[in-house]
C-alpha atoms as a PDB file:
ATOM      1  CA  MET A   1     -26.994  -0.081  -2.052  1.00  0.00           C
ATOM      2  CA  ALA A   2     -28.250   0.499   1.459  1.00  0.00           C
ATOM      3  CA  SER A   3     -31.224   2.744   2.003  1.00  0.00           C
ATOM      4  CA  MET A   4     -30.816   6.199   3.495  1.00  0.00           C
ATOM      5  CA  LYS A   5     -32.395   4.977   6.729  1.00  0.00           C
ATOM      6  CA  ASP A   6     -29.784   2.205   7.021  1.00  0.00           C
ATOM      7  CA  GLN A   7     -26.967   4.642   6.262  1.00  0.00           C
ATOM      8  CA  LEU A   8     -28.045   7.067   8.971  1.00  0.00           C
ATOM      9  CA  ARG A   9     -28.641   4.384  11.561  1.00  0.00           C
ATOM     10  CA  GLY A  10     -25.766   3.600  13.871  1.00  0.00           C
ATOM     11  CA  LEU A  11     -23.799   5.047  16.730  1.00  0.00           C
ATOM     12  CA  VAL A  12     -21.648   8.056  15.854  1.00  0.00           C
ATOM     13  CA  TYR A  13     -20.551   9.295  19.266  1.00  0.00           C
ATOM     14  CA  SER A  14     -20.682   7.845  22.734  1.00  0.00           C
ATOM     15  CA  THR A  15     -19.929   9.644  25.972  1.00  0.00           C
ATOM     16  CA  GLU A  16     -18.363   6.413  27.157  1.00  0.00           C
ATOM     17  CA  HIS A  17     -15.920   5.854  24.252  1.00  0.00           C
ATOM     18  CA  GLY A  18     -15.968   9.049  22.167  1.00  0.00           C
ATOM     19  CA  ARG A  19     -16.151   8.793  18.368  1.00  0.00           C
ATOM     20  CA  THR A  20     -16.862   5.424  16.780  1.00  0.00           C
ATOM     21  CA  CYS A  21     -15.865   4.015  13.391  1.00  0.00           C
ATOM     22  CA  PRO A  22     -18.817   3.827  10.977  1.00  0.00           C
ATOM     23  CA  GLN A  23     -17.680   0.529   9.406  1.00  0.00           C
ATOM     24  CA  CYS A  24     -16.787  -1.662  12.382  1.00  0.00           C
ATOM     25  CA  GLU A  25     -18.697   0.378  15.006  1.00  0.00           C
ATOM     26  CA  GLN A  26     -15.769   0.202  17.415  1.00  0.00           C
ATOM     27  CA  PRO A  27     -14.263   3.202  19.240  1.00  0.00           C
ATOM     28  CA  GLU A  28     -11.839   5.037  16.889  1.00  0.00           C
ATOM     29  CA  ASP A  29      -8.789   4.191  19.002  1.00  0.00           C
ATOM     30  CA  SER A  30      -9.510   0.434  18.719  1.00  0.00           C
ATOM     31  CA  CYS A  31     -10.750   0.424  15.096  1.00  0.00           C
ATOM     32  CA  ILE A  32      -9.739  -2.688  13.139  1.00  0.00           C
ATOM     33  CA  CYS A  33     -10.748  -1.567   9.624  1.00  0.00           C
ATOM     34  CA  ASP A  34      -7.155  -0.844   8.491  1.00  0.00           C
ATOM     35  CA  GLN A  35      -6.005  -4.278   9.656  1.00  0.00           C
ATOM     36  CA  LEU A  36      -8.859  -5.976   7.811  1.00  0.00           C
ATOM     37  CA  GLN A  37      -8.105  -4.073   4.584  1.00  0.00           C
ATOM     38  CA  ASP A  38      -4.396  -4.923   4.846  1.00  0.00           C
ATOM     39  CA  GLN A  39      -5.224  -8.587   5.455  1.00  0.00           C
ATOM     40  CA  ALA A  40      -7.589  -8.683   2.458  1.00  0.00           C
ATOM     41  CA  ARG A  41      -4.888  -7.113   0.251  1.00  0.00           C
ATOM     42  CA  LEU A  42      -2.323  -9.711   1.360  1.00  0.00           C
ATOM     43  CA  GLU A  43      -4.706 -12.592   0.574  1.00  0.00           C
ATOM     44  CA  THR A  44      -5.043 -11.494  -3.060  1.00  0.00           C
ATOM     45  CA  LEU A  45      -1.273 -11.481  -3.761  1.00  0.00           C
ATOM     46  CA  ASP A  46       0.561 -14.310  -5.535  1.00  0.00           C
ATOM     47  CA  GLY A  47       4.006 -13.719  -3.987  1.00  0.00           C
ATOM     48  CA  ILE A  48       5.660 -12.239  -7.089  1.00  0.00           C
ATOM     49  CA  VAL A  49       6.877  -8.639  -6.916  1.00  0.00           C
ATOM     50  CA  ARG A  50       6.298  -6.851 -10.215  1.00  0.00           C
ATOM     51  CA  ILE A  51       8.533  -3.925 -11.155  1.00  0.00           C
ATOM     52  CA  ARG A  52       7.419  -1.639 -13.965  1.00  0.00           C
ATOM     53  CA  ARG A  53       8.192   1.821 -15.301  1.00  0.00           C
ATOM     54  CA  GLU A  54       5.231   4.166 -15.685  1.00  0.00           C
ATOM     55  CA  THR A  55       4.843   7.665 -17.105  1.00  0.00           C
ATOM     56  CA  SER A  56       1.064   7.927 -17.527  1.00  0.00           C
ATOM     57  CA  GLY A  57      -0.551  10.739 -15.567  1.00  0.00           C
ATOM     58  CA  ARG A  58       2.804  12.153 -14.473  1.00  0.00           C
ATOM     59  CA  LYS A  59       3.430  14.753 -17.212  1.00  0.00           C
ATOM     60  CA  GLY A  60       6.076  12.561 -18.858  1.00  0.00           C
ATOM     61  CA  LYS A  61       8.089  11.986 -15.688  1.00  0.00           C
ATOM     62  CA  GLY A  62       9.128   8.364 -15.246  1.00  0.00           C
ATOM     63  CA  VAL A  63       8.345   6.460 -12.071  1.00  0.00           C
ATOM     64  CA  THR A  64       9.267   2.891 -11.158  1.00  0.00           C
ATOM     65  CA  THR A  65       6.404   1.095  -9.420  1.00  0.00           C
ATOM     66  CA  LEU A  66       6.641  -2.046  -7.300  1.00  0.00           C
ATOM     67  CA  SER A  67       3.435  -3.974  -6.753  1.00  0.00           C
ATOM     68  CA  GLY A  68       2.522  -7.320  -5.242  1.00  0.00           C
ATOM     69  CA  ILE A  69       4.872  -7.110  -2.269  1.00  0.00           C
ATOM     70  CA  PRO A  70       3.570  -9.540   0.382  1.00  0.00           C
ATOM     71  CA  LEU A  71       4.197  -7.356   3.438  1.00  0.00           C
ATOM     72  CA  SER A  72       1.956  -5.547   5.899  1.00  0.00           C
ATOM     73  CA  GLU A  73       1.612  -1.761   5.777  1.00  0.00           C
ATOM     74  CA  PRO A  74       4.304  -0.878   8.396  1.00  0.00           C
ATOM     75  CA  GLU A  75       6.767  -3.306   6.795  1.00  0.00           C
ATOM     76  CA  LEU A  76       6.002  -1.824   3.366  1.00  0.00           C
ATOM     77  CA  LYS A  77       6.830   1.656   4.666  1.00  0.00           C
ATOM     78  CA  ALA A  78      10.178   0.443   5.998  1.00  0.00           C
ATOM     79  CA  LEU A  79      10.971  -1.333   2.714  1.00  0.00           C
ATOM     80  CA  ALA A  80      10.036   1.769   0.702  1.00  0.00           C
ATOM     81  CA  LYS A  81      12.379   3.866   2.819  1.00  0.00           C
ATOM     82  CA  LYS A  82      15.208   1.379   2.303  1.00  0.00           C
ATOM     83  CA  LEU A  83      14.645   1.218  -1.479  1.00  0.00           C
ATOM     84  CA  LYS A  84      14.523   5.001  -1.796  1.00  0.00           C
ATOM     85  CA  LYS A  85      17.850   5.152  -0.001  1.00  0.00           C
ATOM     86  CA  VAL A  86      19.342   2.516  -2.337  1.00  0.00           C
ATOM     87  CA  CYS A  87      18.265   4.511  -5.407  1.00  0.00           C
ATOM     88  CA  GLY A  88      19.095   7.908  -3.914  1.00  0.00           C
ATOM     89  CA  THR A  89      15.728   9.362  -4.931  1.00  0.00           C
ATOM     90  CA  GLY A  90      12.331  10.171  -3.518  1.00  0.00           C
ATOM     91  CA  GLY A  91       9.188   8.156  -3.735  1.00  0.00           C
ATOM     92  CA  ALA A  92       5.889   7.283  -2.128  1.00  0.00           C
ATOM     93  CA  LEU A  93       3.748   4.413  -0.884  1.00  0.00           C
ATOM     94  CA  LYS A  94       0.203   4.522  -2.295  1.00  0.00           C
ATOM     95  CA  GLU A  95      -2.378   1.773  -1.747  1.00  0.00           C
ATOM     96  CA  GLY A  96       0.185  -1.009  -1.348  1.00  0.00           C
ATOM     97  CA  VAL A  97       2.257   0.118  -4.366  1.00  0.00           C
ATOM     98  CA  ILE A  98       5.723   1.605  -3.874  1.00  0.00           C
ATOM     99  CA  GLU A  99       6.602   4.390  -6.306  1.00  0.00           C
ATOM    100  CA  ILE A 100      10.260   5.359  -6.799  1.00  0.00           C
ATOM    101  CA  GLN A 101      11.107   8.446  -8.849  1.00  0.00           C
ATOM    102  CA  GLY A 102      13.076   7.695 -12.025  1.00  0.00           C
ATOM    103  CA  ASP A 103      13.959   4.468 -13.828  1.00  0.00           C
ATOM    104  CA  HIS A 104      15.718   2.203 -11.311  1.00  0.00           C
ATOM    105  CA  ARG A 105      14.369  -1.211 -12.315  1.00  0.00           C
ATOM    106  CA  ASP A 106      17.742  -3.004 -12.309  1.00  0.00           C
ATOM    107  CA  LYS A 107      18.866  -1.605  -8.936  1.00  0.00           C
ATOM    108  CA  LEU A 108      15.509  -2.429  -7.378  1.00  0.00           C
ATOM    109  CA  LYS A 109      15.490  -5.952  -8.778  1.00  0.00           C
ATOM    110  CA  LEU A 110      18.905  -6.703  -7.264  1.00  0.00           C
ATOM    111  CA  ALA A 111      17.948  -5.143  -3.902  1.00  0.00           C
ATOM    112  CA  LEU A 112      14.683  -7.097  -3.673  1.00  0.00           C
ATOM    113  CA  GLU A 113      16.311 -10.383  -4.663  1.00  0.00           C
ATOM    114  CA  LYS A 114      18.855  -9.859  -1.855  1.00  0.00           C
ATOM    115  CA  GLU A 115      15.873  -9.440   0.512  1.00  0.00           C
ATOM    116  CA  GLY A 116      14.550 -12.826  -0.661  1.00  0.00           C
ATOM    117  CA  PHE A 117      11.628 -11.755  -2.863  1.00  0.00           C
ATOM    118  CA  LYS A 118      10.692 -13.364  -6.166  1.00  0.00           C
ATOM    119  CA  VAL A 119      10.920 -10.499  -8.671  1.00  0.00           C
ATOM    120  CA  LYS A 120       9.610 -10.086 -12.196  1.00  0.00           C
ATOM    121  CA  LEU A 121      10.196  -7.123 -14.539  1.00  0.00           C
ATOM    122  CA  ALA A 122       6.770  -6.296 -15.954  1.00  0.00           C
ATOM    123  CA  GLY A 123       5.910  -4.110 -18.917  1.00  0.00           C
ATOM    124  CA  GLY A 124       8.276  -2.979 -21.669  1.00  0.00           C
END
């Protein structure tokens, strides 16, 4: 853990560039932190998309989650939109995991295989 002095040290605002990012110390409009996080996430994936049904923490409501999709963040958003349209339900994209409301594992497996992904049904 860095000391308090190290945490407080660093440029916060510049009259030349405006606000700066605390991690990469670049101006906010040219910050590369999101790209680096996305790249690190992609490096940890094995290329297999895992589809599972989850109910924990959702008051008994079932959600189908898709994890391990080897796409960048903007491409993931587009894929999530397409999959929600295929299932006719809502959903969300959270931390690289696509959540689709309801149990649509079979539909999603067929749709992803048509897209060329290697798909595995995980869980029970």
